[in-house]
C-alpha atoms as a PDB file:
ATOM      1  CA  MET A   1       9.067 -29.210 -67.115  1.00  0.00           C
ATOM      2  CA  SER A   2       9.516 -31.663 -64.276  1.00  0.00           C
ATOM      3  CA  LYS A   3      12.966 -30.425 -63.571  1.00  0.00           C
ATOM      4  CA  ILE A   4      11.701 -26.981 -63.220  1.00  0.00           C
ATOM      5  CA  LEU A   5       8.920 -27.937 -60.869  1.00  0.00           C
ATOM      6  CA  LEU A   6      11.404 -30.096 -58.819  1.00  0.00           C
ATOM      7  CA  THR A   7      13.797 -27.106 -58.677  1.00  0.00           C
ATOM      8  CA  ILE A   8      10.768 -24.915 -57.354  1.00  0.00           C
ATOM      9  CA  LEU A   9       9.930 -27.619 -54.735  1.00  0.00           C
ATOM     10  CA  LEU A  10      13.392 -27.936 -53.516  1.00  0.00           C
ATOM     11  CA  THR A  11      13.809 -24.184 -53.301  1.00  0.00           C
ATOM     12  CA  ILE A  12      10.412 -24.081 -51.222  1.00  0.00           C
ATOM     13  CA  LEU A  13      11.682 -26.972 -49.002  1.00  0.00           C
ATOM     14  CA  PHE A  14      15.131 -25.256 -48.511  1.00  0.00           C
ATOM     15  CA  ILE A  15      13.419 -21.852 -47.512  1.00  0.00           C
ATOM     16  CA  THR A  16      10.936 -23.519 -45.123  1.00  0.00           C
ATOM     17  CA  LEU A  17      13.495 -25.604 -43.527  1.00  0.00           C
ATOM     18  CA  ASN A  18      15.937 -22.568 -43.204  1.00  0.00           C
ATOM     19  CA  ASN A  19      12.984 -20.442 -41.735  1.00  0.00           C
ATOM     20  CA  ILE A  20      12.278 -23.259 -39.169  1.00  0.00           C
ATOM     21  CA  LEU A  21      16.123 -23.461 -38.292  1.00  0.00           C
ATOM     22  CA  ILE A  22      16.141 -19.671 -37.817  1.00  0.00           C
ATOM     23  CA  TYR A  23      12.988 -19.526 -35.519  1.00  0.00           C
ATOM     24  CA  SER A  24      13.833 -22.601 -33.519  1.00  0.00           C
ATOM     25  CA  GLN A  25      17.062 -21.084 -32.352  1.00  0.00           C
ATOM     26  CA  THR A  26      17.800 -20.028 -28.893  1.00  0.00           C
ATOM     27  CA  PHE A  27      20.122 -17.525 -27.205  1.00  0.00           C
ATOM     28  CA  GLU A  28      21.725 -18.754 -23.795  1.00  0.00           C
ATOM     29  CA  GLY A  29      24.172 -17.641 -21.481  1.00  0.00           C
ATOM     30  CA  VAL A  30      24.769 -16.607 -17.810  1.00  0.00           C
ATOM     31  CA  VAL A  31      24.117 -13.147 -16.138  1.00  0.00           C
ATOM     32  CA  LYS A  32      26.775 -11.794 -13.692  1.00  0.00           C
ATOM     33  CA  ASP A  33      27.294  -8.670 -11.625  1.00  0.00           C
ATOM     34  CA  ASN A  34      29.819  -6.295 -13.354  1.00  0.00           C
ATOM     35  CA  LEU A  35      31.524  -5.431 -10.011  1.00  0.00           C
ATOM     36  CA  THR A  36      31.605  -8.641  -8.118  1.00  0.00           C
ATOM     37  CA  ASN A  37      31.424 -11.191 -10.961  1.00  0.00           C
ATOM     38  CA  ASP A  38      28.835 -13.228  -9.121  1.00  0.00           C
ATOM     39  CA  LYS A  39      25.997 -14.767 -10.893  1.00  0.00           C
ATOM     40  CA  VAL A  40      22.802 -12.861 -10.802  1.00  0.00           C
ATOM     41  CA  ILE A  41      19.586 -14.832 -10.343  1.00  0.00           C
ATOM     42  CA  PHE A  42      16.007 -14.106 -11.441  1.00  0.00           C
ATOM     43  CA  ILE A  43      16.920 -11.253 -13.848  1.00  0.00           C
ATOM     44  CA  SER A  44      14.082 -10.449 -16.172  1.00  0.00           C
ATOM     45  CA  ILE A  45      15.002 -11.138 -19.866  1.00  0.00           C
ATOM     46  CA  SER A  46      12.632 -10.086 -22.692  1.00  0.00           C
ATOM     47  CA  ASN A  47      13.041 -10.669 -26.331  1.00  0.00           C
ATOM     48  CA  ILE A  48      11.554  -7.344 -27.502  1.00  0.00           C
ATOM     49  CA  THR A  49      11.580  -8.500 -31.169  1.00  0.00           C
ATOM     50  CA  LYS A  50       9.682 -11.714 -30.494  1.00  0.00           C
ATOM     51  CA  ASP A  51       7.740 -10.791 -27.273  1.00  0.00           C
ATOM     52  CA  LYS A  52       9.339 -13.737 -25.370  1.00  0.00           C
ATOM     53  CA  TYR A  53      10.299 -13.684 -21.794  1.00  0.00           C
ATOM     54  CA  THR A  54      12.157 -15.685 -19.255  1.00  0.00           C
ATOM     55  CA  PHE A  55      14.279 -15.159 -16.072  1.00  0.00           C
ATOM     56  CA  SER A  56      17.752 -16.227 -15.016  1.00  0.00           C
ATOM     57  CA  ASP A  57      17.606 -19.205 -12.985  1.00  0.00           C
ATOM     58  CA  GLU A  58      19.097 -20.027  -9.629  1.00  0.00           C
ATOM     59  CA  ASN A  59      22.578 -20.305 -11.249  1.00  0.00           C
ATOM     60  CA  GLY A  60      22.096 -17.207 -13.324  1.00  0.00           C
ATOM     61  CA  PHE A  61      21.654 -19.338 -16.440  1.00  0.00           C
ATOM     62  CA  PHE A  62      19.153 -18.425 -19.141  1.00  0.00           C
ATOM     63  CA  SER A  63      17.856 -19.576 -22.413  1.00  0.00           C
ATOM     64  CA  ILE A  64      15.332 -17.683 -24.605  1.00  0.00           C
ATOM     65  CA  PRO A  65      14.017 -18.116 -28.265  1.00  0.00           C
ATOM     66  CA  ALA A  66      15.710 -15.692 -30.436  1.00  0.00           C
ATOM     67  CA  SER A  67      17.136 -15.031 -34.016  1.00  0.00           C
ATOM     68  CA  LEU A  68      20.134 -12.838 -35.310  1.00  0.00           C
ATOM     69  CA  GLY A  69      19.175  -9.271 -35.069  1.00  0.00           C
ATOM     70  CA  ASP A  70      16.697  -9.632 -32.208  1.00  0.00           C
ATOM     71  CA  THR A  71      16.757  -7.136 -29.266  1.00  0.00           C
ATOM     72  CA  LEU A  72      17.056  -8.600 -25.806  1.00  0.00           C
ATOM     73  CA  ASN A  73      16.431  -6.479 -22.726  1.00  0.00           C
ATOM     74  CA  PHE A  74      18.003  -7.494 -19.269  1.00  0.00           C
ATOM     75  CA  SER A  75      16.467  -5.772 -16.319  1.00  0.00           C
ATOM     76  CA  HIS A  76      16.059  -5.721 -12.524  1.00  0.00           C
ATOM     77  CA  ILE A  77      15.238  -3.208  -9.985  1.00  0.00           C
ATOM     78  CA  ASN A  78      18.784  -3.329  -8.504  1.00  0.00           C
ATOM     79  CA  TYR A  79      20.659  -3.067 -12.010  1.00  0.00           C
ATOM     80  CA  GLN A  80      20.872  -0.782 -14.896  1.00  0.00           C
ATOM     81  CA  HIS A  81      18.906  -2.097 -17.867  1.00  0.00           C
ATOM     82  CA  ASN A  82      20.847  -3.684 -20.704  1.00  0.00           C
ATOM     83  CA  ASN A  83      19.789  -3.952 -24.283  1.00  0.00           C
ATOM     84  CA  VAL A  84      21.452  -6.457 -26.457  1.00  0.00           C
ATOM     85  CA  ILE A  85      21.301  -6.900 -30.193  1.00  0.00           C
ATOM     86  CA  LEU A  86      22.143 -10.382 -31.175  1.00  0.00           C
ATOM     87  CA  SER A  87      24.871 -10.854 -33.642  1.00  0.00           C
ATOM     88  CA  ASN A  88      26.063 -14.552 -32.733  1.00  0.00           C
ATOM     89  CA  LEU A  89      24.026 -17.369 -31.512  1.00  0.00           C
ATOM     90  CA  SER A  90      26.384 -20.039 -31.828  1.00  0.00           C
ATOM     91  CA  ASP A  91      28.185 -19.644 -28.361  1.00  0.00           C
ATOM     92  CA  SER A  92      26.937 -19.497 -24.741  1.00  0.00           C
ATOM     93  CA  VAL A  93      27.628 -15.910 -23.457  1.00  0.00           C
ATOM     94  CA  THR A  94      28.066 -13.850 -20.297  1.00  0.00           C
ATOM     95  CA  ILE A  95      26.019 -10.865 -19.854  1.00  0.00           C
ATOM     96  CA  TYR A  96      27.251  -8.265 -17.420  1.00  0.00           C
ATOM     97  CA  LEU A  97      24.896  -6.043 -15.701  1.00  0.00           C
ATOM     98  CA  GLU A  98      25.924  -2.689 -13.916  1.00  0.00           C
ATOM     99  CA  PRO A  99      24.589  -2.422 -10.378  1.00  0.00           C
ATOM    100  CA  LYS A 100      22.707   0.845  -9.460  1.00  0.00           C
ATOM    101  CA  ASN A 101      24.945   3.228  -7.514  1.00  0.00           C
ATOM    102  CA  ASN A 102      22.788   3.205  -4.532  1.00  0.00           C
ATOM    103  CA  LEU A 103      22.812  -0.563  -4.040  1.00  0.00           C
ATOM    104  CA  LEU A 104      23.158  -1.409  -0.273  1.00  0.00           C
ATOM    105  CA  GLU A 105      24.897   1.878   0.537  1.00  0.00           C
ATOM    106  CA  GLU A 106      22.578   2.687   3.500  1.00  0.00           C
ATOM    107  CA  VAL A 107      22.261  -0.512   5.540  1.00  0.00           C
ATOM    108  CA  VAL A 108      21.917   0.500   9.156  1.00  0.00           C
ATOM    109  CA  LEU A 109      23.318  -1.786  11.741  1.00  0.00           C
ATOM    110  CA  ILE A 110      21.147  -2.091  14.890  1.00  0.00           C
ATOM    111  CA  ASN A 111      22.863  -1.634  18.251  1.00  0.00           C
ATOM    112  CA  LYS A 112      19.906  -2.137  20.571  1.00  0.00           C
ATOM    113  CA  THR A 113      16.313  -3.140  20.227  1.00  0.00           C
ATOM    114  CA  LYS A 114      13.386  -3.397  22.529  1.00  0.00           C
ATOM    115  CA  LYS A 115      12.516  -7.041  23.849  1.00  0.00           C
ATOM    116  CA  ASP A 116       9.160  -7.412  22.556  1.00  0.00           C
ATOM    117  CA  SER A 117       8.179  -7.764  18.832  1.00  0.00           C
ATOM    118  CA  TYR A 118       4.959  -6.471  17.612  1.00  0.00           C
ATOM    119  CA  LYS A 119       3.001  -6.396  14.333  1.00  0.00           C
ATOM    120  CA  ILE A 120       2.070  -3.523  12.018  1.00  0.00           C
ATOM    121  CA  GLY A 121       0.155  -3.915   8.909  1.00  0.00           C
ATOM    122  CA  TYR A 122      -3.476  -4.356   8.063  1.00  0.00           C
ATOM    123  CA  LYS A 123      -5.469  -6.239  10.439  1.00  0.00           C
ATOM    124  CA  LYS A 124      -8.726  -8.246   9.965  1.00  0.00           C
ATOM    125  CA  GLY A 125     -11.681  -6.043   8.825  1.00  0.00           C
ATOM    126  CA  ARG A 126     -14.836  -6.065   6.646  1.00  0.00           C
ATOM    127  CA  LYS A 127     -13.117  -4.712   3.627  1.00  0.00           C
ATOM    128  CA  LYS A 128     -10.856  -7.174   1.777  1.00  0.00           C
ATOM    129  CA  HIS A 129      -9.485  -7.012  -1.806  1.00  0.00           C
ATOM    130  CA  LYS A 130      -7.122  -9.266  -3.781  1.00  0.00           C
ATOM    131  CA  ILE A 131      -4.242  -7.996  -5.936  1.00  0.00           C
ATOM    132  CA  GLY A 132      -3.054 -10.164  -8.667  1.00  0.00           C
ATOM    133  CA  VAL A 133       0.874 -10.420  -8.882  1.00  0.00           C
ATOM    134  CA  PRO A 134       1.722  -9.805 -12.442  1.00  0.00           C
ATOM    135  CA  ILE A 135       4.388 -12.055 -14.273  1.00  0.00           C
ATOM    136  CA  ASN A 136       7.616 -10.286 -15.523  1.00  0.00           C
ATOM    137  CA  SER A 137       6.696  -7.271 -13.524  1.00  0.00           C
ATOM    138  CA  PHE A 138       7.142  -5.796 -10.119  1.00  0.00           C
ATOM    139  CA  LEU A 139       4.567  -4.605  -7.452  1.00  0.00           C
ATOM    140  CA  ALA A 140       5.485  -2.007  -4.972  1.00  0.00           C
ATOM    141  CA  LEU A 141       3.894  -1.358  -1.662  1.00  0.00           C
ATOM    142  CA  ARG A 142       4.598   1.869   0.115  1.00  0.00           C
ATOM    143  CA  ILE A 143       4.110   1.672   4.017  1.00  0.00           C
ATOM    144  CA  ASN A 144       3.918   4.760   6.222  1.00  0.00           C
ATOM    145  CA  ASN A 145       6.420   4.488   9.148  1.00  0.00           C
ATOM    146  CA  LYS A 146       7.042   7.040  11.899  1.00  0.00           C
ATOM    147  CA  LYS A 147       9.415   4.900  14.258  1.00  0.00           C
ATOM    148  CA  ASN A 148      12.678   3.413  14.215  1.00  0.00           C
ATOM    149  CA  ILE A 149      12.026  -0.236  13.545  1.00  0.00           C
ATOM    150  CA  LYS A 150      13.761  -3.485  12.600  1.00  0.00           C
ATOM    151  CA  ILE A 151      11.611  -5.795  10.301  1.00  0.00           C
ATOM    152  CA  GLU A 152      11.708  -9.349  11.373  1.00  0.00           C
ATOM    153  CA  LYS A 153       9.135 -11.140   9.330  1.00  0.00           C
ATOM    154  CA  ILE A 154       6.687 -10.275   6.518  1.00  0.00           C
ATOM    155  CA  GLU A 155       3.724 -12.619   6.226  1.00  0.00           C
ATOM    156  CA  ILE A 156       1.163 -12.229   3.398  1.00  0.00           C
ATOM    157  CA  PRO A 157      -1.717 -14.444   2.674  1.00  0.00           C
ATOM    158  CA  VAL A 158      -2.263 -15.675  -0.888  1.00  0.00           C
ATOM    159  CA  PHE A 159      -5.086 -17.370  -2.704  1.00  0.00           C
ATOM    160  CA  PHE A 160      -4.981 -19.878  -5.450  1.00  0.00           C
ATOM    161  CA  ASP A 161      -8.141 -20.704  -7.386  1.00  0.00           C
ATOM    162  CA  ASP A 162      -8.973 -24.385  -6.394  1.00  0.00           C
ATOM    163  CA  LYS A 163     -10.363 -24.911 -10.032  1.00  0.00           C
ATOM    164  CA  PHE A 164      -6.872 -25.104 -11.332  1.00  0.00           C
ATOM    165  CA  GLU A 165      -3.800 -27.322 -10.669  1.00  0.00           C
ATOM    166  CA  TYR A 166      -0.488 -25.597  -9.652  1.00  0.00           C
ATOM    167  CA  ASP A 167       2.845 -27.234 -10.292  1.00  0.00           C
ATOM    168  CA  ASN A 168       6.195 -25.627 -10.312  1.00  0.00           C
ATOM    169  CA  GLU A 169       4.820 -22.230 -10.188  1.00  0.00           C
ATOM    170  CA  GLY A 170       7.973 -20.475  -9.625  1.00  0.00           C
ATOM    171  CA  PHE A 171       9.150 -18.059  -6.927  1.00  0.00           C
ATOM    172  CA  PHE A 172       8.239 -14.759  -5.237  1.00  0.00           C
ATOM    173  CA  GLU A 173      11.036 -12.388  -4.732  1.00  0.00           C
ATOM    174  CA  LEU A 174      10.994  -9.540  -2.078  1.00  0.00           C
ATOM    175  CA  GLN A 175      13.278  -6.744  -1.171  1.00  0.00           C
ATOM    176  CA  LEU A 176      12.887  -3.838   1.271  1.00  0.00           C
ATOM    177  CA  PHE A 177      13.923  -0.297   0.359  1.00  0.00           C
ATOM    178  CA  THR A 178      13.705   3.201   1.524  1.00  0.00           C
ATOM    179  CA  SER A 179      13.740   6.412  -0.616  1.00  0.00           C
ATOM    180  CA  ASN A 180      15.552   9.699   0.156  1.00  0.00           C
ATOM    181  CA  GLN A 181      13.217  11.504  -2.279  1.00  0.00           C
ATOM    182  CA  GLY A 182       9.973   9.519  -1.722  1.00  0.00           C
ATOM    183  CA  VAL A 183      10.011   8.260  -5.376  1.00  0.00           C
ATOM    184  CA  LEU A 184      10.628   4.829  -6.819  1.00  0.00           C
ATOM    185  CA  GLU A 185      13.489   6.353  -8.994  1.00  0.00           C
ATOM    186  CA  ASP A 186      15.440   6.973  -5.766  1.00  0.00           C
ATOM    187  CA  LEU A 187      15.038   3.730  -4.089  1.00  0.00           C
ATOM    188  CA  VAL A 188      17.903   2.510  -1.625  1.00  0.00           C
ATOM    189  CA  PRO A 189      17.929  -1.355  -0.543  1.00  0.00           C
ATOM    190  CA  VAL A 190      17.920  -1.853   3.125  1.00  0.00           C
ATOM    191  CA  SER A 191      17.766  -5.776   2.762  1.00  0.00           C
ATOM    192  CA  LYS A 192      19.076  -8.469   0.597  1.00  0.00           C
ATOM    193  CA  ARG A 193      16.707 -10.238  -1.883  1.00  0.00           C
ATOM    194  CA  TYR A 194      14.454 -12.952  -0.384  1.00  0.00           C
ATOM    195  CA  TYR A 195      12.821 -15.777  -2.245  1.00  0.00           C
ATOM    196  CA  THR A 196      10.113 -18.239  -1.430  1.00  0.00           C
ATOM    197  CA  LYS A 197       8.962 -20.951  -3.812  1.00  0.00           C
ATOM    198  CA  VAL A 198       5.369 -21.061  -4.866  1.00  0.00           C
ATOM    199  CA  HIS A 199       3.311 -24.154  -4.465  1.00  0.00           C
ATOM    200  CA  ASN A 200      -0.356 -24.620  -4.743  1.00  0.00           C
ATOM    201  CA  ASP A 201      -1.296 -25.508  -1.096  1.00  0.00           C
ATOM    202  CA  MET A 202       0.481 -22.416   0.424  1.00  0.00           C
ATOM    203  CA  GLU A 203      -1.702 -20.008   2.310  1.00  0.00           C
ATOM    204  CA  PHE A 204       0.995 -17.483   3.156  1.00  0.00           C
ATOM    205  CA  ILE A 205       4.083 -15.997   1.618  1.00  0.00           C
ATOM    206  CA  THR A 206       6.455 -15.842   4.543  1.00  0.00           C
ATOM    207  CA  PHE A 207       9.813 -14.035   4.453  1.00  0.00           C
ATOM    208  CA  ASN A 208      11.974 -14.118   7.565  1.00  0.00           C
ATOM    209  CA  ILE A 209      14.048 -11.030   7.464  1.00  0.00           C
ATOM    210  CA  ASN A 210      17.160 -12.453   9.329  1.00  0.00           C
ATOM    211  CA  GLU A 211      19.539  -9.705   9.039  1.00  0.00           C
ATOM    212  CA  GLU A 212      20.532  -6.723  11.273  1.00  0.00           C
ATOM    213  CA  THR A 213      18.899  -3.804   9.398  1.00  0.00           C
ATOM    214  CA  SER A 214      16.633  -1.051  10.474  1.00  0.00           C
ATOM    215  CA  ILE A 215      14.364   1.474   8.814  1.00  0.00           C
ATOM    216  CA  PRO A 216      14.602   4.877  10.783  1.00  0.00           C
ATOM    217  CA  GLU A 217      11.455   6.856  10.956  1.00  0.00           C
ATOM    218  CA  THR A 218      10.698   6.916   7.286  1.00  0.00           C
ATOM    219  CA  ASP A 219       8.277   5.315   4.948  1.00  0.00           C
ATOM    220  CA  PHE A 220       9.507   2.047   3.470  1.00  0.00           C
ATOM    221  CA  TYR A 221       8.729   0.081   0.367  1.00  0.00           C
ATOM    222  CA  ILE A 222       8.139  -3.701  -0.137  1.00  0.00           C
ATOM    223  CA  ILE A 223       8.829  -4.651  -3.749  1.00  0.00           C
ATOM    224  CA  PHE A 224       7.521  -7.934  -5.114  1.00  0.00           C
ATOM    225  CA  ASN A 225       8.351  -9.868  -8.144  1.00  0.00           C
ATOM    226  CA  ARG A 226       6.883 -13.036  -9.285  1.00  0.00           C
ATOM    227  CA  VAL A 227       9.384 -15.309 -11.086  1.00  0.00           C
ATOM    228  CA  LEU A 228       8.154 -18.194 -13.280  1.00  0.00           C
ATOM    229  CA  PRO A 229      10.560 -20.642 -14.689  1.00  0.00           C
ATOM    230  CA  ASP A 230      11.092 -20.940 -18.426  1.00  0.00           C
ATOM    231  CA  ASP A 231       9.249 -24.376 -18.875  1.00  0.00           C
ATOM    232  CA  VAL A 232       6.134 -23.222 -17.153  1.00  0.00           C
ATOM    233  CA  TYR A 233       6.052 -19.750 -18.347  1.00  0.00           C
ATOM    234  CA  ASP A 234       6.550 -20.766 -22.068  1.00  0.00           C
ATOM    235  CA  GLY A 235       3.825 -23.628 -21.935  1.00  0.00           C
ATOM    236  CA  LYS A 236       1.250 -21.716 -19.895  1.00  0.00           C
ATOM    237  CA  LYS A 237       1.764 -18.004 -20.877  1.00  0.00           C
ATOM    238  CA  MET A 238      -1.969 -17.721 -21.471  1.00  0.00           C
ATOM    239  CA  PHE A 239      -3.134 -20.281 -18.860  1.00  0.00           C
ATOM    240  CA  THR A 240      -1.360 -19.670 -15.732  1.00  0.00           C
ATOM    241  CA  ILE A 241      -3.576 -18.163 -12.953  1.00  0.00           C
ATOM    242  CA  ASN A 242      -1.766 -15.551 -10.902  1.00  0.00           C
ATOM    243  CA  PRO A 243      -1.911 -16.116  -7.145  1.00  0.00           C
ATOM    244  CA  CYS A 244      -3.438 -13.098  -5.474  1.00  0.00           C
ATOM    245  CA  LEU A 245      -2.153 -11.211  -2.583  1.00  0.00           C
ATOM    246  CA  TYR A 246      -4.875 -10.162  -0.046  1.00  0.00           C
ATOM    247  CA  PHE A 247      -4.726  -6.854   1.931  1.00  0.00           C
ATOM    248  CA  GLU A 248      -6.908  -5.731   4.623  1.00  0.00           C
ATOM    249  CA  LYS A 249      -6.956  -2.042   5.540  1.00  0.00           C
ATOM    250  CA  LYS A 250      -7.182  -0.509   8.962  1.00  0.00           C
ATOM    251  CA  GLY A 251      -6.213   2.971   9.970  1.00  0.00           C
ATOM    252  CA  VAL A 252      -5.867   6.368   8.277  1.00  0.00           C
ATOM    253  CA  LYS A 253      -6.359   6.935   4.695  1.00  0.00           C
ATOM    254  CA  GLY A 254      -3.100   6.929   2.869  1.00  0.00           C
ATOM    255  CA  ASP A 255      -1.316   4.233   5.015  1.00  0.00           C
ATOM    256  CA  LEU A 256      -0.902   2.024   2.077  1.00  0.00           C
ATOM    257  CA  PHE A 257      -0.217   2.820  -1.577  1.00  0.00           C
ATOM    258  CA  ILE A 258       0.225   0.301  -4.328  1.00  0.00           C
ATOM    259  CA  LYS A 259       1.920   0.546  -7.553  1.00  0.00           C
ATOM    260  CA  ASN A 260       3.071  -1.463 -10.507  1.00  0.00           C
ATOM    261  CA  ILE A 261       6.828  -0.375 -10.916  1.00  0.00           C
ATOM    262  CA  PHE A 262       5.987   0.382 -14.666  1.00  0.00           C
ATOM    263  CA  ALA A 263       2.761   2.262 -13.865  1.00  0.00           C
ATOM    264  CA  ASN A 264       2.690   5.966 -13.982  1.00  0.00           C
ATOM    265  CA  GLU A 265       1.089   6.697 -10.560  1.00  0.00           C
ATOM    266  CA  TRP A 266       0.625   5.269  -7.177  1.00  0.00           C
ATOM    267  CA  VAL A 267      -2.820   4.140  -6.190  1.00  0.00           C
ATOM    268  CA  ASP A 268      -4.037   4.771  -2.768  1.00  0.00           C
ATOM    269  CA  TYR A 269      -5.609   1.552  -1.236  1.00  0.00           C
ATOM    270  CA  GLN A 270      -8.921   3.266  -0.254  1.00  0.00           C
ATOM    271  CA  ASP A 271      -9.306   4.211  -3.972  1.00  0.00           C
ATOM    272  CA  ILE A 272      -9.165   0.414  -4.913  1.00  0.00           C
ATOM    273  CA  LEU A 273     -11.913  -0.331  -2.320  1.00  0.00           C
ATOM    274  CA  LYS A 274     -14.070   2.397  -3.839  1.00  0.00           C
ATOM    275  CA  LYS A 275     -13.640   0.988  -7.283  1.00  0.00           C
ATOM    276  CA  TYR A 276     -14.032  -2.801  -6.545  1.00  0.00           C
ATOM    277  CA  SER A 277     -16.597  -4.573  -4.445  1.00  0.00           C
ATOM    278  CA  PRO A 278     -15.139  -6.041  -1.055  1.00  0.00           C
ATOM    279  CA  THR A 279     -17.117  -9.164  -1.702  1.00  0.00           C
ATOM    280  CA  GLN A 280     -15.374  -9.878  -4.961  1.00  0.00           C
ATOM    281  CA  GLY A 281     -13.646 -13.312  -4.742  1.00  0.00           C
ATOM    282  CA  PRO A 282     -13.254 -15.409  -1.684  1.00  0.00           C
ATOM    283  CA  SER A 283     -12.597 -13.637   1.574  1.00  0.00           C
ATOM    284  CA  PRO A 284      -9.635 -14.800   3.544  1.00  0.00           C
ATOM    285  CA  LEU A 285      -9.728 -15.140   7.409  1.00  0.00           C
ATOM    286  CA  PHE A 286      -6.308 -13.817   7.979  1.00  0.00           C
ATOM    287  CA  SER A 287      -4.370 -10.515   7.513  1.00  0.00           C
ATOM    288  CA  PHE A 288      -1.219  -9.113   5.983  1.00  0.00           C
ATOM    289  CA  GLU A 289       1.237  -8.397   8.849  1.00  0.00           C
ATOM    290  CA  ILE A 290       4.704  -7.218   9.301  1.00  0.00           C
ATOM    291  CA  THR A 291       6.556  -8.224  12.570  1.00  0.00           C
ATOM    292  CA  VAL A 292       8.878  -5.503  13.851  1.00  0.00           C
ATOM    293  CA  LYS A 293      10.970  -4.512  16.895  1.00  0.00           C
ATOM    294  CA  GLU A 294      11.664  -0.785  17.680  1.00  0.00           C
ATOM    295  CA  VAL A 295      15.183   0.310  17.943  1.00  0.00           C
ATOM    296  CA  ASN A 296      16.280   2.682  20.690  1.00  0.00           C
END
């Protein structure tokens, strides 16, 4: 009888240890561009089976909890999505992503600009609203534009709740686009990808657009992505407080539209103001501004 009991206990122990081993495994590798073979940073990686998320780091490297048979999704706004079903966890792998066809095909070189820079955007006013930047997602802003302009700098105020400590809170990624059809599915990049590190004492997200590109008399899109590193994301998934962007509206209705990339519809900024009280949350003393020069 004791031998039978011992056999049962050993079997249970074996199954338990085997399950622990399986569920403690990780899948790691490097993400590269299929055309250039360059390492691709800040690619969103999700284990659909286990509901785990991470990003490739500054060297294109990633590591994510996974088991054999899990489905992983690799995605970024500039690349075709790639789903991988895991059949081997023993070796580090290279994941190649296919760039979207319109990537950087319509960069416009500037020949002559007016001397003085000026600001467009949403100046100080009585109505203010904060917008949380979601993790593992993109936020799109559509800006009406009727002039030939070169964008020099984008400066956006942020707010961190002083009740919480922020340490190693990742990066904000930004890129500028236009759209031939006026839809997100047809975005054409007109700038490279910019990054700024997030820290708890920052008051502004500042992106200096230091390349010779212009936007010719068409609406343009500012696409944000909040990138949180593995160690912070995994340990603080339910506790990290998203920094918020503040936007202040001035001008004709319809100047600014906001959309989560994975949402179905654009939201007019004025509709947000109607839904939420302008007094919700702290009110900043600064404004969202874009510094531009006109192109002749």
